[in-house]
Amino acid sequence: MELNGVFDLLIALPTYGERLSAMPVEAKRAEPEAALRYLDELDRRHGGAKAWLFAAGLSSADELDALSDQLAKPL
């Protein structure tokens, strides 16, 4: 899976730009199996993404809905 749109957004940020610009193309890919392992571990350690988000400071269902809406938008 290519993540070019995400990297384009992050490269525009001063804290990420220089380092990400220097990364090789193959480092900017996400393998589906790695994503599934990450989500499995998130479930195991924290009870899922929603539980982790609330434990990390998300404070309401409205915030969760807004975040979900943003993440679902195409890049």
PDB file of N, CA and C in Angstrom:
ATOM      1  N   MET A   1       0.846  -1.169   0.000  1.00  0.00           N
ATOM      2  CA  MET A   1       0.000   0.000   0.000  1.00  0.00           C
ATOM      3  C   MET A   1       0.894   1.235   0.000  1.00  0.00           C
ATOM      4  N   GLU A   2       0.611   2.158  -0.884  1.00  0.00           N
ATOM      5  CA  GLU A   2       1.366   3.405  -0.952  1.00  0.00           C
ATOM      6  C   GLU A   2       0.750   4.429   0.002  1.00  0.00           C
ATOM      7  N   LEU A   3       1.574   5.175   0.645  1.00  0.00           N
ATOM      8  CA  LEU A   3       1.127   6.188   1.592  1.00  0.00           C
ATOM      9  C   LEU A   3       1.565   7.579   1.166  1.00  0.00           C
ATOM     10  N   ASN A   4       1.694   7.800  -0.140  1.00  0.00           N
ATOM     11  CA  ASN A   4       2.233   9.062  -0.628  1.00  0.00           C
ATOM     12  C   ASN A   4       1.485  10.277  -0.113  1.00  0.00           C
ATOM     13  N   GLY A   5       0.163  10.242  -0.086  1.00  0.00           N
ATOM     14  CA  GLY A   5      -0.611  11.389   0.387  1.00  0.00           C
ATOM     15  C   GLY A   5      -0.300  11.737   1.828  1.00  0.00           C
ATOM     16  N   VAL A   6      -0.171  10.714   2.665  1.00  0.00           N
ATOM     17  CA  VAL A   6       0.166  10.938   4.074  1.00  0.00           C
ATOM     18  C   VAL A   6       1.560  11.542   4.183  1.00  0.00           C
ATOM     19  N   PHE A   7       2.502  10.976   3.447  1.00  0.00           N
ATOM     20  CA  PHE A   7       3.871  11.494   3.498  1.00  0.00           C
ATOM     21  C   PHE A   7       3.953  12.918   2.962  1.00  0.00           C
ATOM     22  N   ASP A   8       3.175  13.224   1.929  1.00  0.00           N
ATOM     23  CA  ASP A   8       3.170  14.597   1.410  1.00  0.00           C
ATOM     24  C   ASP A   8       2.730  15.586   2.481  1.00  0.00           C
ATOM     25  N   LEU A   9       1.708  15.204   3.259  1.00  0.00           N
ATOM     26  CA  LEU A   9       1.248  16.086   4.340  1.00  0.00           C
ATOM     27  C   LEU A   9       2.301  16.229   5.431  1.00  0.00           C
ATOM     28  N   LEU A  10       2.930  15.127   5.797  1.00  0.00           N
ATOM     29  CA  LEU A  10       3.932  15.171   6.867  1.00  0.00           C
ATOM     30  C   LEU A  10       5.206  15.892   6.441  1.00  0.00           C
ATOM     31  N   ILE A  11       5.595  15.736   5.183  1.00  0.00           N
ATOM     32  CA  ILE A  11       6.800  16.405   4.697  1.00  0.00           C
ATOM     33  C   ILE A  11       6.668  17.916   4.781  1.00  0.00           C
ATOM     34  N   ALA A  12       5.444  18.410   4.688  1.00  0.00           N
ATOM     35  CA  ALA A  12       5.207  19.857   4.781  1.00  0.00           C
ATOM     36  C   ALA A  12       5.420  20.392   6.196  1.00  0.00           C
ATOM     37  N   LEU A  13       5.470  19.515   7.188  1.00  0.00           N
ATOM     38  CA  LEU A  13       5.664  19.950   8.578  1.00  0.00           C
ATOM     39  C   LEU A  13       7.153  20.086   8.884  1.00  0.00           C
ATOM     40  N   PRO A  14       7.535  21.174   9.547  1.00  0.00           N
ATOM     41  CA  PRO A  14       8.954  21.393   9.836  1.00  0.00           C
ATOM     42  C   PRO A  14       9.604  20.263  10.642  1.00  0.00           C
ATOM     43  N   THR A  15       8.844  19.635  11.535  1.00  0.00           N
ATOM     44  CA  THR A  15       9.435  18.601  12.381  1.00  0.00           C
ATOM     45  C   THR A  15       9.694  17.292  11.647  1.00  0.00           C
ATOM     46  N   TYR A  16       9.037  17.082  10.522  1.00  0.00           N
ATOM     47  CA  TYR A  16       9.183  15.824   9.785  1.00  0.00           C
ATOM     48  C   TYR A  16       9.843  15.975   8.422  1.00  0.00           C
ATOM     49  N   GLY A  17       9.666  17.113   7.795  1.00  0.00           N
ATOM     50  CA  GLY A  17      10.019  17.306   6.401  1.00  0.00           C
ATOM     51  C   GLY A  17      11.369  16.799   5.961  1.00  0.00           C
ATOM     52  N   GLU A  18      12.420  17.243   6.597  1.00  0.00           N
ATOM     53  CA  GLU A  18      13.775  16.888   6.152  1.00  0.00           C
ATOM     54  C   GLU A  18      14.027  15.386   6.250  1.00  0.00           C
ATOM     55  N   ARG A  19      13.656  14.800   7.378  1.00  0.00           N
ATOM     56  CA  ARG A  19      13.903  13.364   7.565  1.00  0.00           C
ATOM     57  C   ARG A  19      13.085  12.517   6.606  1.00  0.00           C
ATOM     58  N   LEU A  20      11.800  12.864   6.428  1.00  0.00           N
ATOM     59  CA  LEU A  20      10.962  12.063   5.538  1.00  0.00           C
ATOM     60  C   LEU A  20      11.356  12.217   4.079  1.00  0.00           C
ATOM     61  N   SER A  21      11.785  13.392   3.694  1.00  0.00           N
ATOM     62  CA  SER A  21      12.218  13.611   2.317  1.00  0.00           C
ATOM     63  C   SER A  21      13.405  12.728   1.962  1.00  0.00           C
ATOM     64  N   ALA A  22      14.226  12.427   2.944  1.00  0.00           N
ATOM     65  CA  ALA A  22      15.423  11.632   2.714  1.00  0.00           C
ATOM     66  C   ALA A  22      15.159  10.124   2.734  1.00  0.00           C
ATOM     67  N   MET A  23      13.956   9.711   3.106  1.00  0.00           N
ATOM     68  CA  MET A  23      13.646   8.279   3.190  1.00  0.00           C
ATOM     69  C   MET A  23      13.504   7.668   1.805  1.00  0.00           C
ATOM     70  N   PRO A  24      13.989   6.436   1.635  1.00  0.00           N
ATOM     71  CA  PRO A  24      13.797   5.766   0.349  1.00  0.00           C
ATOM     72  C   PRO A  24      12.323   5.400   0.145  1.00  0.00           C
ATOM     73  N   VAL A  25      11.931   5.244  -1.097  1.00  0.00           N
ATOM     74  CA  VAL A  25      10.537   4.950  -1.440  1.00  0.00           C
ATOM     75  C   VAL A  25      10.027   3.708  -0.719  1.00  0.00           C
ATOM     76  N   GLU A  26      10.855   2.675  -0.649  1.00  0.00           N
ATOM     77  CA  GLU A  26      10.392   1.430  -0.026  1.00  0.00           C
ATOM     78  C   GLU A  26      10.069   1.594   1.457  1.00  0.00           C
ATOM     79  N   ALA A  27      10.608   2.600   2.104  1.00  0.00           N
ATOM     80  CA  ALA A  27      10.301   2.855   3.509  1.00  0.00           C
ATOM     81  C   ALA A  27       8.957   3.552   3.680  1.00  0.00           C
ATOM     82  N   LYS A  28       8.368   3.977   2.580  1.00  0.00           N
ATOM     83  CA  LYS A  28       7.102   4.708   2.624  1.00  0.00           C
ATOM     84  C   LYS A  28       5.927   3.815   2.219  1.00  0.00           C
ATOM     85  N   ARG A  29       6.080   2.538   2.411  1.00  0.00           N
ATOM     86  CA  ARG A  29       5.017   1.581   2.094  1.00  0.00           C
ATOM     87  C   ARG A  29       4.560   0.898   3.369  1.00  0.00           C
ATOM     88  N   ALA A  30       3.304   0.519   3.388  1.00  0.00           N
ATOM     89  CA  ALA A  30       2.768  -0.239   4.517  1.00  0.00           C
ATOM     90  C   ALA A  30       2.303  -1.591   3.996  1.00  0.00           C
ATOM     91  N   GLU A  31       2.814  -2.640   4.567  1.00  0.00           N
ATOM     92  CA  GLU A  31       2.388  -3.981   4.203  1.00  0.00           C
ATOM     93  C   GLU A  31       1.112  -4.304   4.976  1.00  0.00           C
ATOM     94  N   PRO A  32       0.099  -4.835   4.302  1.00  0.00           N
ATOM     95  CA  PRO A  32      -1.160  -5.156   4.990  1.00  0.00           C
ATOM     96  C   PRO A  32      -0.970  -6.045   6.215  1.00  0.00           C
ATOM     97  N   GLU A  33      -0.055  -7.004   6.129  1.00  0.00           N
ATOM     98  CA  GLU A  33       0.180  -7.908   7.257  1.00  0.00           C
ATOM     99  C   GLU A  33       0.703  -7.148   8.472  1.00  0.00           C
ATOM    100  N   ALA A  34       1.555  -6.157   8.245  1.00  0.00           N
ATOM    101  CA  ALA A  34       2.091  -5.358   9.352  1.00  0.00           C
ATOM    102  C   ALA A  34       0.982  -4.544  10.005  1.00  0.00           C
ATOM    103  N   ALA A  35       0.096  -3.996   9.204  1.00  0.00           N
ATOM    104  CA  ALA A  35      -1.020  -3.222   9.754  1.00  0.00           C
ATOM    105  C   ALA A  35      -1.935  -4.120  10.585  1.00  0.00           C
ATOM    106  N   LEU A  36      -2.199  -5.324  10.095  1.00  0.00           N
ATOM    107  CA  LEU A  36      -3.046  -6.252  10.853  1.00  0.00           C
ATOM    108  C   LEU A  36      -2.384  -6.665  12.166  1.00  0.00           C
ATOM    109  N   ARG A  37      -1.069  -6.897  12.146  1.00  0.00           N
ATOM    110  CA  ARG A  37      -0.358  -7.235  13.392  1.00  0.00           C
ATOM    111  C   ARG A  37      -0.421  -6.072  14.377  1.00  0.00           C
ATOM    112  N   TYR A  38      -0.272  -4.854  13.873  1.00  0.00           N
ATOM    113  CA  TYR A  38      -0.346  -3.666  14.728  1.00  0.00           C
ATOM    114  C   TYR A  38      -1.727  -3.575  15.377  1.00  0.00           C
ATOM    115  N   LEU A  39      -2.774  -3.749  14.593  1.00  0.00           N
ATOM    116  CA  LEU A  39      -4.133  -3.667  15.138  1.00  0.00           C
ATOM    117  C   LEU A  39      -4.416  -4.793  16.126  1.00  0.00           C
ATOM    118  N   ASP A  40      -3.904  -5.986  15.853  1.00  0.00           N
ATOM    119  CA  ASP A  40      -4.048  -7.088  16.809  1.00  0.00           C
ATOM    120  C   ASP A  40      -3.382  -6.754  18.137  1.00  0.00           C
ATOM    121  N   GLU A  41      -2.191  -6.177  18.063  1.00  0.00           N
ATOM    122  CA  GLU A  41      -1.468  -5.804  19.294  1.00  0.00           C
ATOM    123  C   GLU A  41      -2.192  -4.675  20.023  1.00  0.00           C
ATOM    124  N   LEU A  42      -2.745  -3.732  19.286  1.00  0.00           N
ATOM    125  CA  LEU A  42      -3.525  -2.650  19.892  1.00  0.00           C
ATOM    126  C   LEU A  42      -4.726  -3.226  20.633  1.00  0.00           C
ATOM    127  N   ASP A  43      -5.379  -4.209  20.044  1.00  0.00           N
ATOM    128  CA  ASP A  43      -6.497  -4.885  20.714  1.00  0.00           C
ATOM    129  C   ASP A  43      -6.022  -5.594  21.975  1.00  0.00           C
ATOM    130  N   ARG A  44      -4.923  -6.319  21.854  1.00  0.00           N
ATOM    131  CA  ARG A  44      -4.423  -7.101  22.985  1.00  0.00           C
ATOM    132  C   ARG A  44      -4.001  -6.218  24.153  1.00  0.00           C
ATOM    133  N   ARG A  45      -3.269  -5.161  23.848  1.00  0.00           N
ATOM    134  CA  ARG A  45      -2.724  -4.315  24.921  1.00  0.00           C
ATOM    135  C   ARG A  45      -3.715  -3.309  25.477  1.00  0.00           C
ATOM    136  N   HIS A  46      -4.602  -2.799  24.617  1.00  0.00           N
ATOM    137  CA  HIS A  46      -5.421  -1.665  25.042  1.00  0.00           C
ATOM    138  C   HIS A  46      -6.916  -1.862  24.860  1.00  0.00           C
ATOM    139  N   GLY A  47      -7.325  -2.992  24.306  1.00  0.00           N
ATOM    140  CA  GLY A  47      -8.746  -3.203  24.079  1.00  0.00           C
ATOM    141  C   GLY A  47      -9.250  -2.547  22.809  1.00  0.00           C
ATOM    142  N   GLY A  48      -8.357  -2.187  21.915  1.00  0.00           N
ATOM    143  CA  GLY A  48      -8.745  -1.601  20.632  1.00  0.00           C
ATOM    144  C   GLY A  48      -8.379  -0.139  20.513  1.00  0.00           C
ATOM    145  N   ALA A  49      -8.580   0.368  19.303  1.00  0.00           N
ATOM    146  CA  ALA A  49      -8.200   1.752  19.017  1.00  0.00           C
ATOM    147  C   ALA A  49      -9.031   2.761  19.811  1.00  0.00           C
ATOM    148  N   LYS A  50     -10.326   2.534  19.913  1.00  0.00           N
ATOM    149  CA  LYS A  50     -11.165   3.488  20.657  1.00  0.00           C
ATOM    150  C   LYS A  50     -10.738   3.575  22.119  1.00  0.00           C
ATOM    151  N   ALA A  51     -10.526   2.428  22.730  1.00  0.00           N
ATOM    152  CA  ALA A  51     -10.104   2.430  24.140  1.00  0.00           C
ATOM    153  C   ALA A  51      -8.770   3.145  24.300  1.00  0.00           C
ATOM    154  N   TRP A  52      -7.832   2.896  23.372  1.00  0.00           N
ATOM    155  CA  TRP A  52      -6.536   3.552  23.441  1.00  0.00           C
ATOM    156  C   TRP A  52      -6.680   5.064  23.284  1.00  0.00           C
ATOM    157  N   LEU A  53      -7.507   5.496  22.338  1.00  0.00           N
ATOM    158  CA  LEU A  53      -7.697   6.934  22.123  1.00  0.00           C
ATOM    159  C   LEU A  53      -8.254   7.617  23.368  1.00  0.00           C
ATOM    160  N   PHE A  54      -9.239   6.998  24.004  1.00  0.00           N
ATOM    161  CA  PHE A  54      -9.803   7.603  25.213  1.00  0.00           C
ATOM    162  C   PHE A  54      -8.789   7.596  26.353  1.00  0.00           C
ATOM    163  N   ALA A  55      -8.007   6.537  26.474  1.00  0.00           N
ATOM    164  CA  ALA A  55      -6.967   6.488  27.507  1.00  0.00           C
ATOM    165  C   ALA A  55      -5.879   7.523  27.243  1.00  0.00           C
ATOM    166  N   ALA A  56      -5.669   7.865  25.971  1.00  0.00           N
ATOM    167  CA  ALA A  56      -4.633   8.833  25.601  1.00  0.00           C
ATOM    168  C   ALA A  56      -5.117  10.275  25.649  1.00  0.00           C
ATOM    169  N   GLY A  57      -6.388  10.487  25.986  1.00  0.00           N
ATOM    170  CA  GLY A  57      -6.845  11.857  26.165  1.00  0.00           C
ATOM    171  C   GLY A  57      -8.040  12.286  25.343  1.00  0.00           C
ATOM    172  N   LEU A  58      -8.514  11.475  24.425  1.00  0.00           N
ATOM    173  CA  LEU A  58      -9.737  11.819  23.708  1.00  0.00           C
ATOM    174  C   LEU A  58     -10.846  11.897  24.741  1.00  0.00           C
ATOM    175  N   SER A  59     -11.668  12.940  24.685  1.00  0.00           N
ATOM    176  CA  SER A  59     -12.571  13.158  25.814  1.00  0.00           C
ATOM    177  C   SER A  59     -14.050  12.950  25.538  1.00  0.00           C
ATOM    178  N   SER A  60     -14.457  12.719  24.290  1.00  0.00           N
ATOM    179  CA  SER A  60     -15.895  12.558  24.053  1.00  0.00           C
ATOM    180  C   SER A  60     -16.162  11.761  22.788  1.00  0.00           C
ATOM    181  N   ALA A  61     -17.375  11.251  22.703  1.00  0.00           N
ATOM    182  CA  ALA A  61     -17.804  10.542  21.502  1.00  0.00           C
ATOM    183  C   ALA A  61     -17.832  11.496  20.310  1.00  0.00           C
ATOM    184  N   ASP A  62     -18.134  12.770  20.562  1.00  0.00           N
ATOM    185  CA  ASP A  62     -18.123  13.754  19.471  1.00  0.00           C
ATOM    186  C   ASP A  62     -16.723  13.913  18.893  1.00  0.00           C
ATOM    187  N   GLU A  63     -15.706  13.934  19.754  1.00  0.00           N
ATOM    188  CA  GLU A  63     -14.326  14.005  19.274  1.00  0.00           C
ATOM    189  C   GLU A  63     -13.968  12.760  18.466  1.00  0.00           C
ATOM    190  N   LEU A  64     -14.422  11.604  18.939  1.00  0.00           N
ATOM    191  CA  LEU A  64     -14.161  10.367  18.217  1.00  0.00           C
ATOM    192  C   LEU A  64     -14.827  10.398  16.845  1.00  0.00           C
ATOM    193  N   ASP A  65     -16.055  10.878  16.783  1.00  0.00           N
ATOM    194  CA  ASP A  65     -16.753  10.993  15.494  1.00  0.00           C
ATOM    195  C   ASP A  65     -16.022  11.938  14.551  1.00  0.00           C
ATOM    196  N   ALA A  66     -15.564  13.066  15.070  1.00  0.00           N
ATOM    197  CA  ALA A  66     -14.841  14.042  14.242  1.00  0.00           C
ATOM    198  C   ALA A  66     -13.533  13.439  13.724  1.00  0.00           C
ATOM    199  N   LEU A  67     -12.824  12.718  14.591  1.00  0.00           N
ATOM    200  CA  LEU A  67     -11.580  12.064  14.175  1.00  0.00           C
ATOM    201  C   LEU A  67     -11.868  11.012  13.109  1.00  0.00           C
ATOM    202  N   SER A  68     -12.887  10.222  13.322  1.00  0.00           N
ATOM    203  CA  SER A  68     -13.263   9.194  12.346  1.00  0.00           C
ATOM    204  C   SER A  68     -13.595   9.815  10.999  1.00  0.00           C
ATOM    205  N   ASP A  69     -14.328  10.911  11.025  1.00  0.00           N
ATOM    206  CA  ASP A  69     -14.666  11.617   9.770  1.00  0.00           C
ATOM    207  C   ASP A  69     -13.415  12.091   9.043  1.00  0.00           C
ATOM    208  N   GLN A  70     -12.462  12.645   9.788  1.00  0.00           N
ATOM    209  CA  GLN A  70     -11.223  13.124   9.182  1.00  0.00           C
ATOM    210  C   GLN A  70     -10.398  11.983   8.597  1.00  0.00           C
ATOM    211  N   LEU A  71     -10.318  10.891   9.328  1.00  0.00           N
ATOM    212  CA  LEU A  71      -9.518   9.757   8.864  1.00  0.00           C
ATOM    213  C   LEU A  71     -10.143   9.056   7.664  1.00  0.00           C
ATOM    214  N   ALA A  72     -11.436   9.174   7.508  1.00  0.00           N
ATOM    215  CA  ALA A  72     -12.128   8.521   6.389  1.00  0.00           C
ATOM    216  C   ALA A  72     -12.077   9.334   5.099  1.00  0.00           C
ATOM    217  N   LYS A  73     -11.637  10.584   5.171  1.00  0.00           N
ATOM    218  CA  LYS A  73     -11.556  11.423   3.970  1.00  0.00           C
ATOM    219  C   LYS A  73     -10.428  10.948   3.080  1.00  0.00           C
ATOM    220  N   PRO A  74     -10.667  10.921   1.775  1.00  0.00           N
ATOM    221  CA  PRO A  74      -9.562  10.573   0.866  1.00  0.00           C
ATOM    222  C   PRO A  74      -8.490  11.661   0.872  1.00  0.00           C
ATOM    223  N   LEU A  75      -7.259  11.247   0.651  1.00  0.00           N
ATOM    224  CA  LEU A  75      -6.152  12.205   0.615  1.00  0.00           C
ATOM    225  C   LEU A  75      -6.086  12.883  -0.721  1.00  0.00           C
TER     226      LEU A  75
END
